[in-house]
Amino acid sequence: MTSTTMTDTSLPRMAHVALLRAVNLPGHNKIAMRDLVELLGALGMSDARSLLQSGNLVFRSNRRSAAELERQLEVAMRERLGLATDVMVRGAEDWRTVIARNPFPAEAERDPGHLLVVFLKDAPGRGAEAALRDAITGREVVKVDGRHAYIVYPDGVGRSRLTTSLIERKLGTRGTGRNWNTVLKLGALVAAPGGS
C-alpha cells in the first residue's frame, strides 16, 4: 500500500474543502470533476462532491493535517491524472472562520461576485500585505488575514491589473481565488449533515 492510499480507520472522518489552483481555464489544466471525485474515493476519502468546474471539492477524511492532505492530493493528481497543480485544503472549522472573519460584509451583501477570497499556501511574511496594497493601481481593496486574502474588485476581476500572478508575487506564496458566492456555497456543502 502506497503512502497516497494509507488511512487510519480508527480516526473520525472530518469534512474538508480542497481547492485546485488554475484548472479548467481556457487551454490549461483541463480535468473532469468526475475524475477528481473518483480519485478521492480511490484514496479512501468519503462523501466526495464537487462544485462547479473550477476545482472545488468537498470530502471527508480521517487525516487531520491540511498540509498532509494537500501533499497527498497533489501527488495523486500528478501521478494518476497527469494534473500538476497546487491544492489548498481547509477543514470545516477553517471554512467557518473564513466566512466569519470577512472584513468586507457590506460588499459581500451588496456585490458578492466582486468579493474574492484568495486561499494561500502559506501565510505571507511581514510587510507583504503593504507591498500588495502599494502595487494596486485601481480601486481594489485588500485585507490579508493569515492564509487568506480578501479582495474587493469594484470594477470586476476580468480587467483588473490586480492579477493572481501579481498577488502571488507580492505575498510570496501561491494561492487560488473564489468569489464570495462560491465561498458560501462550499460552506453550505461542508456544513451539511455529516459534513463537519
N, C-alpha and C. Protein backbone atom coordinates (compact mmCIF):
# COMPACT_ATOMS: atom_id res chain seq x y z
N MET A 1 0.84 -1.19 0.00
CA MET A 1 0.00 0.00 0.00
C MET A 1 0.88 1.24 0.00
N THR A 2 0.61 2.18 -0.91
CA THR A 2 1.45 3.37 -1.02
C THR A 2 1.00 4.42 -0.01
N SER A 3 1.84 5.44 0.16
CA SER A 3 1.53 6.49 1.12
C SER A 3 0.32 7.30 0.69
N THR A 4 -0.03 7.26 -0.59
CA THR A 4 -1.18 8.03 -1.04
C THR A 4 -2.49 7.31 -0.79
N THR A 5 -2.46 6.07 -0.31
CA THR A 5 -3.70 5.36 -0.06
C THR A 5 -3.84 4.91 1.39
N MET A 6 -2.83 5.12 2.22
CA MET A 6 -2.90 4.67 3.60
C MET A 6 -3.81 5.57 4.42
N THR A 7 -4.70 4.96 5.21
CA THR A 7 -5.56 5.70 6.12
C THR A 7 -5.65 4.94 7.41
N ASP A 8 -6.02 5.64 8.48
CA ASP A 8 -6.23 5.02 9.78
C ASP A 8 -7.73 5.05 10.04
N THR A 9 -8.38 3.91 9.92
CA THR A 9 -9.83 3.86 10.02
C THR A 9 -10.32 4.08 11.44
N SER A 10 -9.43 4.12 12.43
CA SER A 10 -9.85 4.34 13.81
C SER A 10 -10.12 5.83 14.09
N LEU A 11 -9.64 6.71 13.24
CA LEU A 11 -9.83 8.14 13.46
C LEU A 11 -11.16 8.60 12.88
N PRO A 12 -11.81 9.60 13.51
CA PRO A 12 -13.07 10.11 12.95
C PRO A 12 -12.83 10.80 11.61
N ARG A 13 -13.82 10.75 10.76
CA ARG A 13 -13.70 11.34 9.43
C ARG A 13 -14.25 12.77 9.48
N MET A 14 -13.38 13.73 9.18
CA MET A 14 -13.72 15.14 9.24
C MET A 14 -13.92 15.70 7.83
N ALA A 15 -14.78 16.70 7.73
CA ALA A 15 -15.06 17.32 6.43
C ALA A 15 -13.98 18.31 6.06
N HIS A 16 -13.65 18.34 4.78
CA HIS A 16 -12.64 19.25 4.25
C HIS A 16 -13.10 19.81 2.91
N VAL A 17 -12.54 20.96 2.55
CA VAL A 17 -12.69 21.54 1.22
C VAL A 17 -11.31 21.56 0.59
N ALA A 18 -11.21 21.09 -0.65
CA ALA A 18 -9.96 21.17 -1.42
C ALA A 18 -10.21 22.07 -2.63
N LEU A 19 -9.34 23.04 -2.81
CA LEU A 19 -9.43 23.98 -3.93
C LEU A 19 -8.22 23.78 -4.82
N LEU A 20 -8.45 23.50 -6.09
CA LEU A 20 -7.36 23.32 -7.04
C LEU A 20 -7.07 24.66 -7.71
N ARG A 21 -5.80 24.93 -7.88
CA ARG A 21 -5.37 26.19 -8.48
C ARG A 21 -5.33 26.08 -10.00
N ALA A 22 -5.97 27.02 -10.67
CA ALA A 22 -5.85 27.19 -12.12
C ALA A 22 -6.19 25.94 -12.92
N VAL A 23 -7.38 25.38 -12.68
CA VAL A 23 -7.83 24.26 -13.51
C VAL A 23 -9.01 24.69 -14.37
N ASN A 24 -9.13 24.02 -15.51
CA ASN A 24 -10.21 24.24 -16.47
C ASN A 24 -10.28 25.69 -16.96
N LEU A 25 -9.11 26.30 -17.06
CA LEU A 25 -9.01 27.59 -17.72
C LEU A 25 -8.88 27.33 -19.22
N PRO A 26 -9.18 28.32 -20.05
CA PRO A 26 -9.07 28.08 -21.50
C PRO A 26 -7.69 27.53 -21.88
N GLY A 27 -7.68 26.30 -22.39
CA GLY A 27 -6.44 25.68 -22.84
C GLY A 27 -5.46 25.31 -21.75
N HIS A 28 -5.91 25.20 -20.50
CA HIS A 28 -4.97 24.99 -19.40
C HIS A 28 -5.57 24.06 -18.35
N ASN A 29 -4.84 22.99 -18.01
CA ASN A 29 -5.20 22.10 -16.90
C ASN A 29 -6.65 21.62 -16.96
N LYS A 30 -7.04 21.06 -18.10
CA LYS A 30 -8.40 20.54 -18.25
C LYS A 30 -8.54 19.25 -17.46
N ILE A 31 -9.59 19.17 -16.65
CA ILE A 31 -9.84 17.98 -15.86
C ILE A 31 -11.34 17.87 -15.59
N ALA A 32 -11.86 16.66 -15.66
CA ALA A 32 -13.28 16.45 -15.35
C ALA A 32 -13.44 16.32 -13.85
N MET A 33 -14.43 17.01 -13.31
CA MET A 33 -14.68 16.93 -11.87
C MET A 33 -15.00 15.49 -11.45
N ARG A 34 -15.65 14.76 -12.33
CA ARG A 34 -15.97 13.36 -12.05
C ARG A 34 -14.70 12.56 -11.78
N ASP A 35 -13.65 12.82 -12.57
CA ASP A 35 -12.39 12.10 -12.37
C ASP A 35 -11.77 12.45 -11.02
N LEU A 36 -11.89 13.70 -10.59
CA LEU A 36 -11.35 14.10 -9.29
C LEU A 36 -12.13 13.45 -8.15
N VAL A 37 -13.46 13.41 -8.28
CA VAL A 37 -14.28 12.77 -7.25
C VAL A 37 -13.94 11.28 -7.15
N GLU A 38 -13.77 10.63 -8.30
CA GLU A 38 -13.40 9.21 -8.29
C GLU A 38 -12.02 9.00 -7.67
N LEU A 39 -11.09 9.91 -7.92
CA LEU A 39 -9.77 9.81 -7.33
C LEU A 39 -9.84 9.91 -5.81
N LEU A 40 -10.65 10.83 -5.31
CA LEU A 40 -10.80 10.95 -3.86
C LEU A 40 -11.31 9.65 -3.26
N GLY A 41 -12.26 9.02 -3.92
CA GLY A 41 -12.76 7.73 -3.44
C GLY A 41 -11.67 6.68 -3.43
N ALA A 42 -10.85 6.65 -4.49
CA ALA A 42 -9.76 5.68 -4.56
C ALA A 42 -8.72 5.92 -3.47
N LEU A 43 -8.61 7.16 -2.99
CA LEU A 43 -7.66 7.49 -1.94
C LEU A 43 -8.23 7.25 -0.54
N GLY A 44 -9.46 6.75 -0.47
CA GLY A 44 -10.05 6.45 0.82
C GLY A 44 -10.88 7.58 1.41
N MET A 45 -11.09 8.66 0.64
CA MET A 45 -11.96 9.73 1.12
C MET A 45 -13.41 9.30 0.92
N SER A 46 -14.31 9.86 1.72
CA SER A 46 -15.72 9.52 1.57
C SER A 46 -16.54 10.78 1.33
N ASP A 47 -17.79 10.58 0.89
CA ASP A 47 -18.74 11.67 0.66
C ASP A 47 -18.15 12.75 -0.26
N ALA A 48 -17.36 12.36 -1.24
CA ALA A 48 -16.71 13.33 -2.13
C ALA A 48 -17.73 13.94 -3.09
N ARG A 49 -17.68 15.25 -3.19
CA ARG A 49 -18.55 16.01 -4.10
C ARG A 49 -17.76 17.14 -4.72
N SER A 50 -18.24 17.61 -5.87
CA SER A 50 -17.60 18.77 -6.50
C SER A 50 -18.63 19.88 -6.66
N LEU A 51 -18.13 21.10 -6.81
CA LEU A 51 -18.99 22.25 -7.05
C LEU A 51 -18.39 23.03 -8.22
N LEU A 52 -19.21 23.28 -9.22
CA LEU A 52 -18.79 24.00 -10.42
C LEU A 52 -17.68 23.22 -11.13
N GLN A 53 -17.03 23.84 -12.10
CA GLN A 53 -15.99 23.17 -12.88
C GLN A 53 -14.60 23.75 -12.59
N SER A 54 -14.49 24.52 -11.52
CA SER A 54 -13.24 25.25 -11.27
C SER A 54 -12.37 24.62 -10.19
N GLY A 55 -12.60 23.34 -9.90
CA GLY A 55 -11.71 22.65 -8.96
C GLY A 55 -12.07 22.85 -7.51
N ASN A 56 -13.35 22.67 -7.17
CA ASN A 56 -13.82 22.78 -5.79
C ASN A 56 -14.33 21.42 -5.34
N LEU A 57 -13.72 20.86 -4.32
CA LEU A 57 -14.08 19.52 -3.84
C LEU A 57 -14.38 19.56 -2.35
N VAL A 58 -15.40 18.82 -1.94
CA VAL A 58 -15.72 18.63 -0.53
C VAL A 58 -15.69 17.14 -0.27
N PHE A 59 -15.08 16.74 0.84
CA PHE A 59 -14.95 15.31 1.14
C PHE A 59 -14.70 15.13 2.63
N ARG A 60 -14.73 13.88 3.05
CA ARG A 60 -14.43 13.54 4.44
C ARG A 60 -13.20 12.65 4.47
N SER A 61 -12.34 12.88 5.45
CA SER A 61 -11.11 12.11 5.59
C SER A 61 -10.76 12.00 7.07
N ASN A 62 -10.06 10.91 7.42
CA ASN A 62 -9.59 10.79 8.80
C ASN A 62 -8.20 11.37 8.98
N ARG A 63 -7.64 11.95 7.95
CA ARG A 63 -6.38 12.69 8.10
C ARG A 63 -6.70 14.06 8.66
N ARG A 64 -5.98 14.49 9.68
CA ARG A 64 -6.31 15.76 10.33
C ARG A 64 -5.52 16.93 9.78
N SER A 65 -4.36 16.70 9.22
CA SER A 65 -3.50 17.79 8.77
C SER A 65 -3.85 18.21 7.35
N ALA A 66 -4.19 19.50 7.19
CA ALA A 66 -4.48 20.03 5.85
C ALA A 66 -3.25 19.91 4.96
N ALA A 67 -2.07 20.18 5.52
CA ALA A 67 -0.83 20.10 4.72
C ALA A 67 -0.61 18.68 4.23
N GLU A 68 -0.90 17.70 5.06
CA GLU A 68 -0.75 16.29 4.66
C GLU A 68 -1.72 15.96 3.54
N LEU A 69 -2.96 16.43 3.65
CA LEU A 69 -3.94 16.19 2.60
C LEU A 69 -3.53 16.88 1.30
N GLU A 70 -3.02 18.10 1.41
CA GLU A 70 -2.57 18.81 0.21
C GLU A 70 -1.49 18.02 -0.51
N ARG A 71 -0.50 17.56 0.23
CA ARG A 71 0.59 16.77 -0.40
C ARG A 71 0.04 15.50 -1.04
N GLN A 72 -0.82 14.79 -0.30
CA GLN A 72 -1.39 13.55 -0.81
C GLN A 72 -2.15 13.79 -2.12
N LEU A 73 -2.98 14.82 -2.13
CA LEU A 73 -3.78 15.08 -3.33
C LEU A 73 -2.92 15.55 -4.50
N GLU A 74 -1.96 16.40 -4.24
CA GLU A 74 -1.09 16.89 -5.32
C GLU A 74 -0.32 15.74 -5.96
N VAL A 75 0.22 14.84 -5.14
CA VAL A 75 0.96 13.70 -5.67
C VAL A 75 0.05 12.78 -6.47
N ALA A 76 -1.13 12.47 -5.90
CA ALA A 76 -2.05 11.54 -6.57
C ALA A 76 -2.58 12.13 -7.88
N MET A 77 -2.88 13.41 -7.89
CA MET A 77 -3.38 14.03 -9.13
C MET A 77 -2.31 14.02 -10.21
N ARG A 78 -1.07 14.27 -9.81
CA ARG A 78 0.02 14.26 -10.79
C ARG A 78 0.26 12.85 -11.31
N GLU A 79 0.33 11.88 -10.40
CA GLU A 79 0.67 10.51 -10.80
C GLU A 79 -0.46 9.80 -11.52
N ARG A 80 -1.69 10.00 -11.09
CA ARG A 80 -2.81 9.23 -11.63
C ARG A 80 -3.59 9.95 -12.72
N LEU A 81 -3.60 11.28 -12.68
CA LEU A 81 -4.39 12.04 -13.65
C LEU A 81 -3.54 12.93 -14.55
N GLY A 82 -2.24 13.00 -14.30
CA GLY A 82 -1.37 13.85 -15.09
C GLY A 82 -1.63 15.34 -14.87
N LEU A 83 -2.20 15.69 -13.71
CA LEU A 83 -2.55 17.07 -13.40
C LEU A 83 -1.57 17.61 -12.36
N ALA A 84 -0.76 18.57 -12.76
CA ALA A 84 0.21 19.19 -11.85
C ALA A 84 -0.31 20.55 -11.45
N THR A 85 -0.81 20.66 -10.23
CA THR A 85 -1.34 21.93 -9.75
C THR A 85 -1.28 21.96 -8.23
N ASP A 86 -1.36 23.16 -7.68
CA ASP A 86 -1.40 23.31 -6.23
C ASP A 86 -2.81 23.03 -5.73
N VAL A 87 -2.89 22.46 -4.53
CA VAL A 87 -4.17 22.21 -3.87
C VAL A 87 -4.13 22.90 -2.51
N MET A 88 -5.18 23.63 -2.19
CA MET A 88 -5.32 24.27 -0.88
C MET A 88 -6.46 23.57 -0.15
N VAL A 89 -6.19 23.04 1.03
CA VAL A 89 -7.20 22.30 1.80
C VAL A 89 -7.52 23.09 3.07
N ARG A 90 -8.80 23.16 3.39
CA ARG A 90 -9.27 23.75 4.63
C ARG A 90 -10.30 22.83 5.25
N GLY A 91 -10.24 22.67 6.57
CA GLY A 91 -11.23 21.89 7.28
C GLY A 91 -12.52 22.68 7.44
N ALA A 92 -13.57 22.00 7.91
CA ALA A 92 -14.88 22.65 8.07
C ALA A 92 -14.79 23.84 9.02
N GLU A 93 -14.07 23.69 10.12
CA GLU A 93 -13.95 24.79 11.08
C GLU A 93 -13.18 25.96 10.47
N ASP A 94 -12.12 25.65 9.70
CA ASP A 94 -11.38 26.70 8.99
C ASP A 94 -12.31 27.47 8.06
N TRP A 95 -13.19 26.73 7.38
CA TRP A 95 -14.09 27.37 6.41
C TRP A 95 -15.06 28.30 7.12
N ARG A 96 -15.59 27.85 8.26
CA ARG A 96 -16.49 28.73 9.03
C ARG A 96 -15.76 30.00 9.46
N THR A 97 -14.49 29.86 9.82
CA THR A 97 -13.69 31.02 10.23
C THR A 97 -13.48 31.98 9.07
N VAL A 98 -13.21 31.44 7.89
CA VAL A 98 -13.05 32.29 6.69
C VAL A 98 -14.30 33.15 6.48
N ILE A 99 -15.46 32.55 6.62
CA ILE A 99 -16.71 33.29 6.43
C ILE A 99 -16.92 34.31 7.55
N ALA A 100 -16.68 33.88 8.78
CA ALA A 100 -16.92 34.76 9.93
C ALA A 100 -15.99 35.96 9.97
N ARG A 101 -14.76 35.80 9.46
CA ARG A 101 -13.76 36.87 9.56
C ARG A 101 -13.72 37.78 8.33
N ASN A 102 -14.68 37.64 7.44
CA ASN A 102 -14.75 38.50 6.26
C ASN A 102 -14.73 39.97 6.68
N PRO A 103 -13.72 40.73 6.28
CA PRO A 103 -13.64 42.14 6.68
C PRO A 103 -14.49 43.08 5.83
N PHE A 104 -15.18 42.52 4.82
CA PHE A 104 -15.97 43.34 3.90
C PHE A 104 -17.43 42.87 3.86
N PRO A 105 -18.14 42.88 4.99
CA PRO A 105 -19.52 42.36 5.00
C PRO A 105 -20.48 43.15 4.12
N ALA A 106 -20.31 44.46 4.04
CA ALA A 106 -21.21 45.26 3.20
C ALA A 106 -21.04 44.89 1.73
N GLU A 107 -19.80 44.74 1.30
CA GLU A 107 -19.52 44.37 -0.09
C GLU A 107 -20.03 42.95 -0.38
N ALA A 108 -19.91 42.07 0.60
CA ALA A 108 -20.38 40.70 0.43
C ALA A 108 -21.89 40.67 0.23
N GLU A 109 -22.58 41.54 0.94
CA GLU A 109 -24.03 41.61 0.82
C GLU A 109 -24.45 42.29 -0.48
N ARG A 110 -23.78 43.37 -0.83
CA ARG A 110 -24.17 44.18 -1.97
C ARG A 110 -23.74 43.57 -3.30
N ASP A 111 -22.52 43.02 -3.37
CA ASP A 111 -21.97 42.57 -4.65
C ASP A 111 -21.02 41.38 -4.43
N PRO A 112 -21.58 40.23 -4.04
CA PRO A 112 -20.72 39.10 -3.67
C PRO A 112 -19.86 38.56 -4.80
N GLY A 113 -20.26 38.80 -6.04
CA GLY A 113 -19.46 38.32 -7.17
C GLY A 113 -18.16 39.08 -7.34
N HIS A 114 -18.06 40.26 -6.73
CA HIS A 114 -16.84 41.07 -6.84
C HIS A 114 -15.98 41.04 -5.58
N LEU A 115 -16.35 40.17 -4.64
CA LEU A 115 -15.51 39.93 -3.46
C LEU A 115 -14.88 38.56 -3.60
N LEU A 116 -13.56 38.51 -3.60
CA LEU A 116 -12.83 37.25 -3.71
C LEU A 116 -12.09 36.95 -2.43
N VAL A 117 -12.01 35.67 -2.12
CA VAL A 117 -11.10 35.20 -1.09
C VAL A 117 -10.02 34.40 -1.81
N VAL A 118 -8.77 34.80 -1.61
CA VAL A 118 -7.65 34.05 -2.17
C VAL A 118 -7.12 33.15 -1.06
N PHE A 119 -7.22 31.85 -1.27
CA PHE A 119 -6.75 30.85 -0.31
C PHE A 119 -5.28 30.60 -0.62
N LEU A 120 -4.43 30.87 0.36
CA LEU A 120 -2.98 30.85 0.17
C LEU A 120 -2.36 29.59 0.73
N LYS A 121 -1.25 29.16 0.13
CA LYS A 121 -0.50 28.01 0.64
C LYS A 121 0.07 28.31 2.01
N ASP A 122 0.63 29.49 2.18
CA ASP A 122 1.27 29.88 3.43
C ASP A 122 0.85 31.30 3.78
N ALA A 123 0.91 31.62 5.07
CA ALA A 123 0.66 33.00 5.49
C ALA A 123 1.80 33.88 4.98
N PRO A 124 1.48 35.01 4.39
CA PRO A 124 2.53 35.91 3.88
C PRO A 124 3.40 36.46 5.01
N GLY A 125 4.62 36.81 4.67
CA GLY A 125 5.54 37.37 5.64
C GLY A 125 5.21 38.81 5.98
N ARG A 126 5.92 39.32 6.96
CA ARG A 126 5.72 40.70 7.40
C ARG A 126 5.98 41.67 6.24
N GLY A 127 5.12 42.62 6.09
CA GLY A 127 5.27 43.63 5.04
C GLY A 127 4.67 43.24 3.71
N ALA A 128 4.25 41.98 3.55
CA ALA A 128 3.74 41.53 2.25
C ALA A 128 2.40 42.19 1.91
N GLU A 129 1.53 42.34 2.90
CA GLU A 129 0.24 42.97 2.63
C GLU A 129 0.44 44.42 2.18
N ALA A 130 1.33 45.14 2.85
CA ALA A 130 1.61 46.53 2.46
C ALA A 130 2.18 46.59 1.05
N ALA A 131 3.04 45.65 0.71
CA ALA A 131 3.62 45.62 -0.64
C ALA A 131 2.54 45.38 -1.69
N LEU A 132 1.58 44.50 -1.36
CA LEU A 132 0.49 44.24 -2.29
C LEU A 132 -0.38 45.49 -2.44
N ARG A 133 -0.69 46.13 -1.35
CA ARG A 133 -1.51 47.35 -1.42
C ARG A 133 -0.81 48.43 -2.25
N ASP A 134 0.51 48.54 -2.08
CA ASP A 134 1.27 49.55 -2.84
C ASP A 134 1.26 49.27 -4.33
N ALA A 135 1.04 47.99 -4.71
CA ALA A 135 1.05 47.61 -6.13
C ALA A 135 -0.30 47.83 -6.81
N ILE A 136 -1.33 48.13 -6.03
CA ILE A 136 -2.66 48.31 -6.60
C ILE A 136 -2.74 49.64 -7.35
N THR A 137 -3.20 49.58 -8.61
CA THR A 137 -3.33 50.79 -9.42
C THR A 137 -4.79 51.17 -9.65
N GLY A 138 -5.71 50.30 -9.26
CA GLY A 138 -7.14 50.58 -9.44
C GLY A 138 -7.83 50.84 -8.11
N ARG A 139 -9.12 50.50 -8.04
CA ARG A 139 -9.92 50.76 -6.85
C ARG A 139 -10.05 49.53 -5.94
N GLU A 140 -9.27 48.50 -6.22
CA GLU A 140 -9.35 47.29 -5.42
C GLU A 140 -8.92 47.56 -3.97
N VAL A 141 -9.52 46.81 -3.06
CA VAL A 141 -9.20 46.90 -1.63
C VAL A 141 -8.83 45.52 -1.15
N VAL A 142 -7.74 45.42 -0.36
CA VAL A 142 -7.21 44.12 0.08
C VAL A 142 -7.07 44.09 1.59
N LYS A 143 -7.40 42.95 2.18
CA LYS A 143 -7.12 42.68 3.58
C LYS A 143 -6.64 41.24 3.70
N VAL A 144 -5.44 41.06 4.25
CA VAL A 144 -4.87 39.72 4.43
C VAL A 144 -5.08 39.30 5.88
N ASP A 145 -5.55 38.07 6.03
CA ASP A 145 -5.80 37.51 7.36
C ASP A 145 -5.24 36.09 7.37
N GLY A 146 -4.02 35.94 7.87
CA GLY A 146 -3.39 34.62 7.88
C GLY A 146 -3.17 34.08 6.48
N ARG A 147 -3.75 32.91 6.19
CA ARG A 147 -3.59 32.28 4.87
C ARG A 147 -4.72 32.65 3.91
N HIS A 148 -5.36 33.81 4.16
CA HIS A 148 -6.47 34.23 3.30
C HIS A 148 -6.34 35.71 2.98
N ALA A 149 -6.53 36.04 1.72
CA ALA A 149 -6.56 37.44 1.29
C ALA A 149 -7.96 37.73 0.76
N TYR A 150 -8.61 38.70 1.36
CA TYR A 150 -9.94 39.14 0.92
C TYR A 150 -9.73 40.35 0.02
N ILE A 151 -10.31 40.30 -1.17
CA ILE A 151 -10.09 41.37 -2.14
C ILE A 151 -11.42 41.80 -2.74
N VAL A 152 -11.69 43.09 -2.68
CA VAL A 152 -12.86 43.67 -3.34
C VAL A 152 -12.41 44.23 -4.68
N TYR A 153 -13.10 43.76 -5.74
CA TYR A 153 -12.84 44.24 -7.10
C TYR A 153 -14.07 45.04 -7.55
N PRO A 154 -14.17 46.32 -7.20
CA PRO A 154 -15.39 47.07 -7.51
C PRO A 154 -15.66 47.21 -9.00
N ASP A 155 -14.62 47.14 -9.82
CA ASP A 155 -14.79 47.27 -11.27
C ASP A 155 -14.70 45.92 -11.99
N GLY A 156 -14.75 44.83 -11.23
CA GLY A 156 -14.70 43.50 -11.81
C GLY A 156 -13.29 42.93 -11.84
N VAL A 157 -13.22 41.61 -11.90
CA VAL A 157 -11.93 40.91 -11.87
C VAL A 157 -11.29 40.85 -13.25
N GLY A 158 -12.10 40.67 -14.27
CA GLY A 158 -11.59 40.39 -15.60
C GLY A 158 -10.61 41.40 -16.16
N ARG A 159 -10.86 42.67 -15.94
CA ARG A 159 -9.97 43.71 -16.50
C ARG A 159 -9.03 44.29 -15.46
N SER A 160 -9.08 43.79 -14.25
CA SER A 160 -8.24 44.35 -13.19
C SER A 160 -6.77 44.02 -13.42
N ARG A 161 -5.92 44.95 -13.03
CA ARG A 161 -4.47 44.70 -13.09
C ARG A 161 -3.98 43.99 -11.83
N LEU A 162 -4.87 43.80 -10.87
CA LEU A 162 -4.53 43.04 -9.67
C LEU A 162 -4.78 41.57 -9.96
N THR A 163 -3.82 40.97 -10.66
CA THR A 163 -3.95 39.61 -11.15
C THR A 163 -3.43 38.61 -10.12
N THR A 164 -3.72 37.34 -10.36
CA THR A 164 -3.23 36.28 -9.48
C THR A 164 -1.71 36.29 -9.42
N SER A 165 -1.06 36.46 -10.56
CA SER A 165 0.41 36.43 -10.55
C SER A 165 0.97 37.59 -9.73
N LEU A 166 0.36 38.77 -9.81
CA LEU A 166 0.82 39.90 -9.01
C LEU A 166 0.58 39.65 -7.52
N ILE A 167 -0.59 39.13 -7.20
CA ILE A 167 -0.90 38.82 -5.79
C ILE A 167 0.11 37.82 -5.23
N GLU A 168 0.36 36.76 -5.98
CA GLU A 168 1.30 35.73 -5.52
C GLU A 168 2.72 36.29 -5.37
N ARG A 169 3.12 37.11 -6.31
CA ARG A 169 4.46 37.68 -6.26
C ARG A 169 4.63 38.58 -5.03
N LYS A 170 3.66 39.42 -4.78
CA LYS A 170 3.76 40.35 -3.65
C LYS A 170 3.60 39.65 -2.31
N LEU A 171 2.77 38.62 -2.24
CA LEU A 171 2.56 37.92 -0.98
C LEU A 171 3.57 36.80 -0.75
N GLY A 172 4.31 36.43 -1.80
CA GLY A 172 5.36 35.43 -1.65
C GLY A 172 4.86 34.02 -1.45
N THR A 173 3.67 33.72 -1.94
CA THR A 173 3.11 32.38 -1.83
C THR A 173 2.07 32.19 -2.92
N ARG A 174 1.73 30.93 -3.21
CA ARG A 174 0.75 30.66 -4.25
C ARG A 174 -0.63 30.61 -3.64
N GLY A 175 -1.63 30.83 -4.49
CA GLY A 175 -2.99 30.84 -4.00
C GLY A 175 -4.00 30.63 -5.11
N THR A 176 -5.24 30.48 -4.71
CA THR A 176 -6.33 30.35 -5.66
C THR A 176 -7.54 31.09 -5.11
N GLY A 177 -8.21 31.85 -5.98
CA GLY A 177 -9.31 32.69 -5.54
C GLY A 177 -10.68 32.10 -5.83
N ARG A 178 -11.63 32.40 -4.94
CA ARG A 178 -13.04 32.04 -5.14
C ARG A 178 -13.89 33.24 -4.75
N ASN A 179 -14.93 33.53 -5.55
CA ASN A 179 -15.77 34.66 -5.19
C ASN A 179 -16.67 34.28 -4.02
N TRP A 180 -17.26 35.30 -3.41
CA TRP A 180 -18.00 35.09 -2.16
C TRP A 180 -19.19 34.15 -2.34
N ASN A 181 -19.84 34.19 -3.51
CA ASN A 181 -20.94 33.25 -3.76
C ASN A 181 -20.45 31.81 -3.65
N THR A 182 -19.29 31.52 -4.26
CA THR A 182 -18.74 30.17 -4.21
C THR A 182 -18.30 29.80 -2.80
N VAL A 183 -17.71 30.76 -2.08
CA VAL A 183 -17.31 30.51 -0.69
C VAL A 183 -18.52 30.09 0.13
N LEU A 184 -19.64 30.78 -0.02
CA LEU A 184 -20.83 30.44 0.74
C LEU A 184 -21.42 29.10 0.33
N LYS A 185 -21.41 28.81 -0.97
CA LYS A 185 -21.93 27.51 -1.44
C LYS A 185 -21.08 26.37 -0.89
N LEU A 186 -19.76 26.53 -0.90
CA LEU A 186 -18.89 25.49 -0.34
C LEU A 186 -19.09 25.39 1.16
N GLY A 187 -19.33 26.52 1.82
CA GLY A 187 -19.61 26.50 3.24
C GLY A 187 -20.86 25.70 3.56
N ALA A 188 -21.88 25.83 2.72
CA ALA A 188 -23.11 25.06 2.92
C ALA A 188 -22.87 23.57 2.71
N LEU A 189 -22.06 23.23 1.71
CA LEU A 189 -21.75 21.81 1.46
C LEU A 189 -20.98 21.19 2.61
N VAL A 190 -19.96 21.91 3.10
CA VAL A 190 -19.12 21.34 4.15
C VAL A 190 -19.86 21.28 5.48
N ALA A 191 -20.91 22.10 5.64
CA ALA A 191 -21.68 22.12 6.87
C ALA A 191 -22.91 21.22 6.80
N ALA A 192 -23.12 20.57 5.65
CA ALA A 192 -24.30 19.71 5.51
C ALA A 192 -24.22 18.56 6.50
N PRO A 193 -25.35 17.92 6.82
CA PRO A 193 -25.34 16.82 7.79
C PRO A 193 -24.24 15.82 7.47
N GLY A 194 -23.44 15.53 8.48
CA GLY A 194 -22.30 14.63 8.30
C GLY A 194 -21.10 15.33 7.73
N GLY A 195 -21.18 16.65 7.48
CA GLY A 195 -20.09 17.35 6.83
C GLY A 195 -19.11 18.02 7.75
N SER A 196 -19.40 18.14 9.03
CA SER A 196 -18.46 18.84 9.90
C SER A 196 -17.86 17.94 10.95
